[in-house]
């Protein structure tokens, strides 16, 4: 596989030790948990989502630096294990759309 100039620069910086992690302990633990949640995949499912929801999930996964399927599996795992808490919508200020 041929790397483009940007990828070559990133690889060279990594190999020389010039790159350092900026991830916090919390971010690293979250990524570890996502990996654990999806590492023992032994069942396959198919699911239909709206195009908008899928785009939003893919965008969120990109922000988190993981594949969108991994994000979905992680969210589902957290939900079924009781570690996904709903936001208290009553405590949050409502936007009326006015600027």
N, C-alpha and C. Protein backbone atom coordinates (compact mmCIF):
# COMPACT_ATOMS: atom_id res chain seq x y z
N UNK A 1 0.85 -1.18 0.00
CA UNK A 1 0.00 0.00 0.00
C UNK A 1 0.89 1.24 0.00
N UNK A 2 0.60 2.15 -0.87
CA UNK A 2 1.36 3.40 -1.02
C UNK A 2 0.78 4.46 -0.10
N UNK A 3 1.64 5.07 0.70
CA UNK A 3 1.22 6.15 1.58
C UNK A 3 1.34 7.49 0.88
N UNK A 4 0.41 8.39 1.20
CA UNK A 4 0.55 9.73 0.64
C UNK A 4 1.56 10.50 1.51
N UNK A 5 2.00 11.68 1.07
CA UNK A 5 3.03 12.41 1.82
C UNK A 5 2.65 12.69 3.28
N UNK A 6 1.40 13.02 3.53
CA UNK A 6 0.97 13.28 4.91
C UNK A 6 1.11 12.02 5.76
N UNK A 7 0.64 10.89 5.22
CA UNK A 7 0.74 9.63 5.95
C UNK A 7 2.20 9.24 6.20
N UNK A 8 3.06 9.49 5.23
CA UNK A 8 4.49 9.21 5.42
C UNK A 8 5.07 10.05 6.54
N UNK A 9 4.68 11.33 6.61
CA UNK A 9 5.15 12.20 7.68
C UNK A 9 4.67 11.72 9.05
N UNK A 10 3.40 11.32 9.13
CA UNK A 10 2.86 10.83 10.40
C UNK A 10 3.58 9.56 10.82
N UNK A 11 3.78 8.64 9.88
CA UNK A 11 4.48 7.39 10.18
C UNK A 11 5.90 7.66 10.65
N UNK A 12 6.60 8.56 9.97
CA UNK A 12 7.97 8.89 10.35
C UNK A 12 8.01 9.50 11.76
N UNK A 13 7.06 10.38 12.05
CA UNK A 13 7.02 11.00 13.38
C UNK A 13 6.74 9.95 14.45
N UNK A 14 5.84 9.02 14.16
CA UNK A 14 5.52 7.95 15.11
C UNK A 14 6.75 7.07 15.35
N UNK A 15 7.37 6.64 14.27
CA UNK A 15 8.52 5.75 14.39
C UNK A 15 9.70 6.40 15.09
N UNK A 16 9.82 7.71 15.00
CA UNK A 16 10.94 8.41 15.66
C UNK A 16 10.63 8.73 17.12
N UNK A 17 9.40 8.49 17.54
CA UNK A 17 9.02 8.77 18.92
C UNK A 17 8.64 10.23 19.14
N UNK A 18 8.43 10.97 18.06
CA UNK A 18 8.12 12.39 18.19
C UNK A 18 6.66 12.63 18.58
N UNK A 19 5.82 11.63 18.45
CA UNK A 19 4.40 11.81 18.80
C UNK A 19 4.15 11.37 20.24
N UNK A 20 3.32 12.13 20.93
CA UNK A 20 2.94 11.76 22.28
C UNK A 20 1.42 11.71 22.36
N UNK A 21 0.92 10.88 23.22
CA UNK A 21 -0.52 10.74 23.38
C UNK A 21 -1.08 11.95 24.13
N UNK A 22 -2.22 12.43 23.68
CA UNK A 22 -2.91 13.51 24.37
C UNK A 22 -4.18 13.01 25.03
N UNK A 23 -4.40 11.70 24.97
CA UNK A 23 -5.61 11.10 25.56
C UNK A 23 -5.53 11.16 27.08
N UNK A 24 -6.65 11.47 27.69
CA UNK A 24 -6.73 11.46 29.15
C UNK A 24 -6.93 10.02 29.63
N UNK A 25 -6.75 9.81 30.92
CA UNK A 25 -6.99 8.47 31.47
C UNK A 25 -8.43 8.04 31.23
N UNK A 26 -9.36 8.99 31.34
CA UNK A 26 -10.77 8.67 31.12
C UNK A 26 -11.02 8.24 29.67
N UNK A 27 -10.41 8.94 28.73
CA UNK A 27 -10.56 8.59 27.32
C UNK A 27 -9.98 7.21 27.04
N UNK A 28 -8.81 6.95 27.59
CA UNK A 28 -8.19 5.64 27.39
C UNK A 28 -9.04 4.53 27.98
N UNK A 29 -9.59 4.75 29.16
CA UNK A 29 -10.44 3.73 29.78
C UNK A 29 -11.70 3.51 28.96
N UNK A 30 -12.27 4.59 28.42
CA UNK A 30 -13.45 4.47 27.58
C UNK A 30 -13.14 3.64 26.33
N UNK A 31 -12.00 3.88 25.73
CA UNK A 31 -11.60 3.11 24.55
C UNK A 31 -11.33 1.65 24.90
N UNK A 32 -10.72 1.43 26.07
CA UNK A 32 -10.48 0.05 26.51
C UNK A 32 -11.81 -0.68 26.70
N UNK A 33 -12.77 -0.01 27.32
CA UNK A 33 -14.09 -0.60 27.55
C UNK A 33 -14.78 -0.90 26.22
N UNK A 34 -14.67 0.00 25.27
CA UNK A 34 -15.27 -0.25 23.95
C UNK A 34 -14.63 -1.47 23.30
N UNK A 35 -13.33 -1.60 23.45
CA UNK A 35 -12.63 -2.75 22.88
C UNK A 35 -13.07 -4.04 23.57
N UNK A 36 -13.18 -4.00 24.90
CA UNK A 36 -13.63 -5.19 25.63
C UNK A 36 -15.05 -5.57 25.23
N UNK A 37 -15.90 -4.55 25.07
CA UNK A 37 -17.30 -4.81 24.75
C UNK A 37 -17.47 -5.45 23.38
N UNK A 38 -16.55 -5.20 22.51
CA UNK A 38 -16.70 -5.70 21.14
C UNK A 38 -15.70 -6.79 20.79
N UNK A 39 -14.82 -7.15 21.72
CA UNK A 39 -13.78 -8.12 21.37
C UNK A 39 -14.30 -9.54 21.31
N UNK A 40 -15.39 -9.84 21.98
CA UNK A 40 -15.91 -11.20 21.97
C UNK A 40 -17.20 -11.27 21.17
N UNK A 41 -17.13 -10.79 19.96
CA UNK A 41 -18.31 -10.79 19.08
C UNK A 41 -18.56 -12.21 18.61
N UNK A 42 -19.71 -12.75 18.98
CA UNK A 42 -20.03 -14.09 18.52
C UNK A 42 -21.42 -14.17 17.88
N UNK A 43 -22.08 -13.04 17.75
CA UNK A 43 -23.39 -13.00 17.11
C UNK A 43 -23.44 -11.81 16.16
N UNK A 44 -24.18 -11.99 15.09
CA UNK A 44 -24.34 -10.91 14.11
C UNK A 44 -25.81 -10.51 14.09
N UNK A 45 -26.05 -9.21 13.97
CA UNK A 45 -27.42 -8.72 13.82
C UNK A 45 -27.47 -7.76 12.64
N UNK A 46 -28.65 -7.57 12.12
CA UNK A 46 -28.89 -6.54 11.11
C UNK A 46 -29.89 -5.57 11.72
N UNK A 47 -29.69 -4.30 11.46
CA UNK A 47 -30.58 -3.28 12.03
C UNK A 47 -30.80 -2.20 10.98
N UNK A 48 -32.01 -1.69 10.94
CA UNK A 48 -32.31 -0.59 10.02
C UNK A 48 -32.35 0.71 10.83
N UNK A 49 -31.64 1.71 10.33
CA UNK A 49 -31.60 3.03 10.95
C UNK A 49 -31.97 4.06 9.90
N UNK A 50 -32.45 5.20 10.37
CA UNK A 50 -32.68 6.29 9.42
C UNK A 50 -31.32 6.78 8.92
N UNK A 51 -31.31 7.32 7.74
CA UNK A 51 -30.06 7.83 7.17
C UNK A 51 -29.46 8.91 8.06
N UNK A 52 -30.31 9.75 8.63
CA UNK A 52 -29.81 10.82 9.50
C UNK A 52 -29.18 10.28 10.76
N UNK A 53 -29.82 9.27 11.38
CA UNK A 53 -29.24 8.67 12.59
C UNK A 53 -27.90 8.02 12.28
N UNK A 54 -27.82 7.30 11.16
CA UNK A 54 -26.57 6.66 10.80
C UNK A 54 -25.47 7.68 10.57
N UNK A 55 -25.79 8.77 9.88
CA UNK A 55 -24.79 9.84 9.67
C UNK A 55 -24.32 10.40 11.00
N UNK A 56 -25.27 10.64 11.93
CA UNK A 56 -24.90 11.18 13.24
C UNK A 56 -24.03 10.21 14.02
N UNK A 57 -24.37 8.92 13.95
CA UNK A 57 -23.57 7.90 14.63
C UNK A 57 -22.17 7.85 14.03
N UNK A 58 -22.08 7.88 12.72
CA UNK A 58 -20.78 7.84 12.06
C UNK A 58 -19.95 9.07 12.41
N UNK A 59 -20.58 10.23 12.49
CA UNK A 59 -19.86 11.45 12.86
C UNK A 59 -19.37 11.36 14.30
N UNK A 60 -20.21 10.87 15.19
CA UNK A 60 -19.82 10.73 16.60
C UNK A 60 -18.67 9.73 16.73
N UNK A 61 -18.76 8.63 15.99
CA UNK A 61 -17.70 7.62 16.03
C UNK A 61 -16.38 8.21 15.54
N UNK A 62 -16.45 9.03 14.50
CA UNK A 62 -15.25 9.67 13.98
C UNK A 62 -14.64 10.58 15.05
N UNK A 63 -15.48 11.32 15.75
CA UNK A 63 -15.00 12.19 16.83
C UNK A 63 -14.34 11.37 17.94
N UNK A 64 -14.88 10.18 18.19
CA UNK A 64 -14.35 9.31 19.24
C UNK A 64 -13.16 8.49 18.75
N UNK A 65 -12.93 8.50 17.44
CA UNK A 65 -11.79 7.78 16.88
C UNK A 65 -11.98 6.28 16.82
N UNK A 66 -13.20 5.86 16.51
CA UNK A 66 -13.47 4.42 16.42
C UNK A 66 -14.45 4.15 15.30
N UNK A 67 -14.50 2.91 14.83
CA UNK A 67 -15.48 2.55 13.80
C UNK A 67 -16.90 2.69 14.35
N UNK A 68 -17.85 3.05 13.49
CA UNK A 68 -19.20 3.29 13.98
C UNK A 68 -19.85 2.02 14.53
N UNK A 69 -19.50 0.85 13.97
CA UNK A 69 -20.06 -0.39 14.51
C UNK A 69 -19.58 -0.63 15.93
N UNK A 70 -18.33 -0.28 16.21
CA UNK A 70 -17.78 -0.42 17.56
C UNK A 70 -18.50 0.52 18.52
N UNK A 71 -18.78 1.74 18.07
CA UNK A 71 -19.51 2.68 18.91
C UNK A 71 -20.90 2.14 19.23
N UNK A 72 -21.60 1.63 18.22
CA UNK A 72 -22.94 1.08 18.44
C UNK A 72 -22.87 -0.07 19.43
N UNK A 73 -21.93 -0.99 19.24
CA UNK A 73 -21.80 -2.14 20.14
C UNK A 73 -21.48 -1.69 21.56
N UNK A 74 -20.63 -0.67 21.69
CA UNK A 74 -20.27 -0.17 23.02
C UNK A 74 -21.47 0.46 23.72
N UNK A 75 -22.24 1.26 22.98
CA UNK A 75 -23.43 1.90 23.57
C UNK A 75 -24.43 0.84 23.99
N UNK A 76 -24.66 -0.15 23.15
CA UNK A 76 -25.60 -1.22 23.51
C UNK A 76 -25.11 -2.00 24.72
N UNK A 77 -23.81 -2.28 24.77
CA UNK A 77 -23.24 -2.99 25.92
C UNK A 77 -23.43 -2.19 27.21
N UNK A 78 -23.14 -0.90 27.15
CA UNK A 78 -23.32 -0.06 28.33
C UNK A 78 -24.78 -0.01 28.74
N UNK A 79 -25.70 0.01 27.79
CA UNK A 79 -27.12 0.06 28.09
C UNK A 79 -27.57 -1.21 28.80
N UNK A 80 -27.22 -2.36 28.25
CA UNK A 80 -27.70 -3.61 28.85
C UNK A 80 -27.03 -3.94 30.17
N UNK A 81 -25.86 -3.35 30.43
CA UNK A 81 -25.19 -3.59 31.72
C UNK A 81 -25.51 -2.49 32.73
N UNK A 82 -26.40 -1.57 32.36
CA UNK A 82 -26.83 -0.53 33.29
C UNK A 82 -25.85 0.60 33.50
N UNK A 83 -24.89 0.74 32.61
CA UNK A 83 -23.88 1.80 32.77
C UNK A 83 -24.10 2.96 31.83
N UNK A 84 -25.23 2.99 31.16
CA UNK A 84 -25.57 4.10 30.28
C UNK A 84 -26.70 4.87 30.94
N UNK A 85 -26.40 6.06 31.42
CA UNK A 85 -27.40 6.84 32.14
C UNK A 85 -28.04 7.87 31.22
N UNK A 86 -29.35 8.02 31.36
CA UNK A 86 -30.05 9.05 30.60
C UNK A 86 -29.77 10.41 31.21
N UNK A 87 -29.71 11.42 30.35
CA UNK A 87 -29.59 12.78 30.85
C UNK A 87 -30.91 13.19 31.45
N UNK A 88 -30.86 13.99 32.50
CA UNK A 88 -32.08 14.51 33.11
C UNK A 88 -32.52 15.71 32.28
N UNK A 89 -33.45 15.48 31.36
CA UNK A 89 -33.87 16.54 30.45
C UNK A 89 -34.59 17.66 31.17
N UNK A 90 -35.25 17.37 32.29
CA UNK A 90 -35.97 18.40 33.03
C UNK A 90 -35.00 19.42 33.63
N UNK A 91 -33.79 19.01 33.92
CA UNK A 91 -32.81 19.89 34.55
C UNK A 91 -32.05 20.74 33.54
N UNK A 92 -32.21 20.45 32.26
CA UNK A 92 -31.48 21.18 31.24
C UNK A 92 -32.35 22.32 30.69
N UNK A 93 -31.73 23.48 30.45
CA UNK A 93 -32.49 24.60 29.88
C UNK A 93 -32.97 24.25 28.48
N UNK A 94 -34.18 24.66 28.16
CA UNK A 94 -34.74 24.40 26.83
C UNK A 94 -34.40 25.55 25.89
N UNK A 95 -34.17 25.19 24.64
CA UNK A 95 -33.93 26.20 23.62
C UNK A 95 -35.24 26.43 22.89
N UNK A 96 -35.61 27.68 22.75
CA UNK A 96 -36.86 27.97 22.04
C UNK A 96 -36.60 28.34 20.58
N UNK A 97 -35.35 28.21 20.17
CA UNK A 97 -35.01 28.48 18.77
C UNK A 97 -34.74 29.93 18.51
N UNK A 98 -34.99 30.81 19.46
CA UNK A 98 -34.76 32.25 19.27
C UNK A 98 -33.30 32.55 19.55
N UNK A 99 -32.75 33.47 18.80
CA UNK A 99 -31.34 33.83 19.00
C UNK A 99 -31.21 35.06 19.82
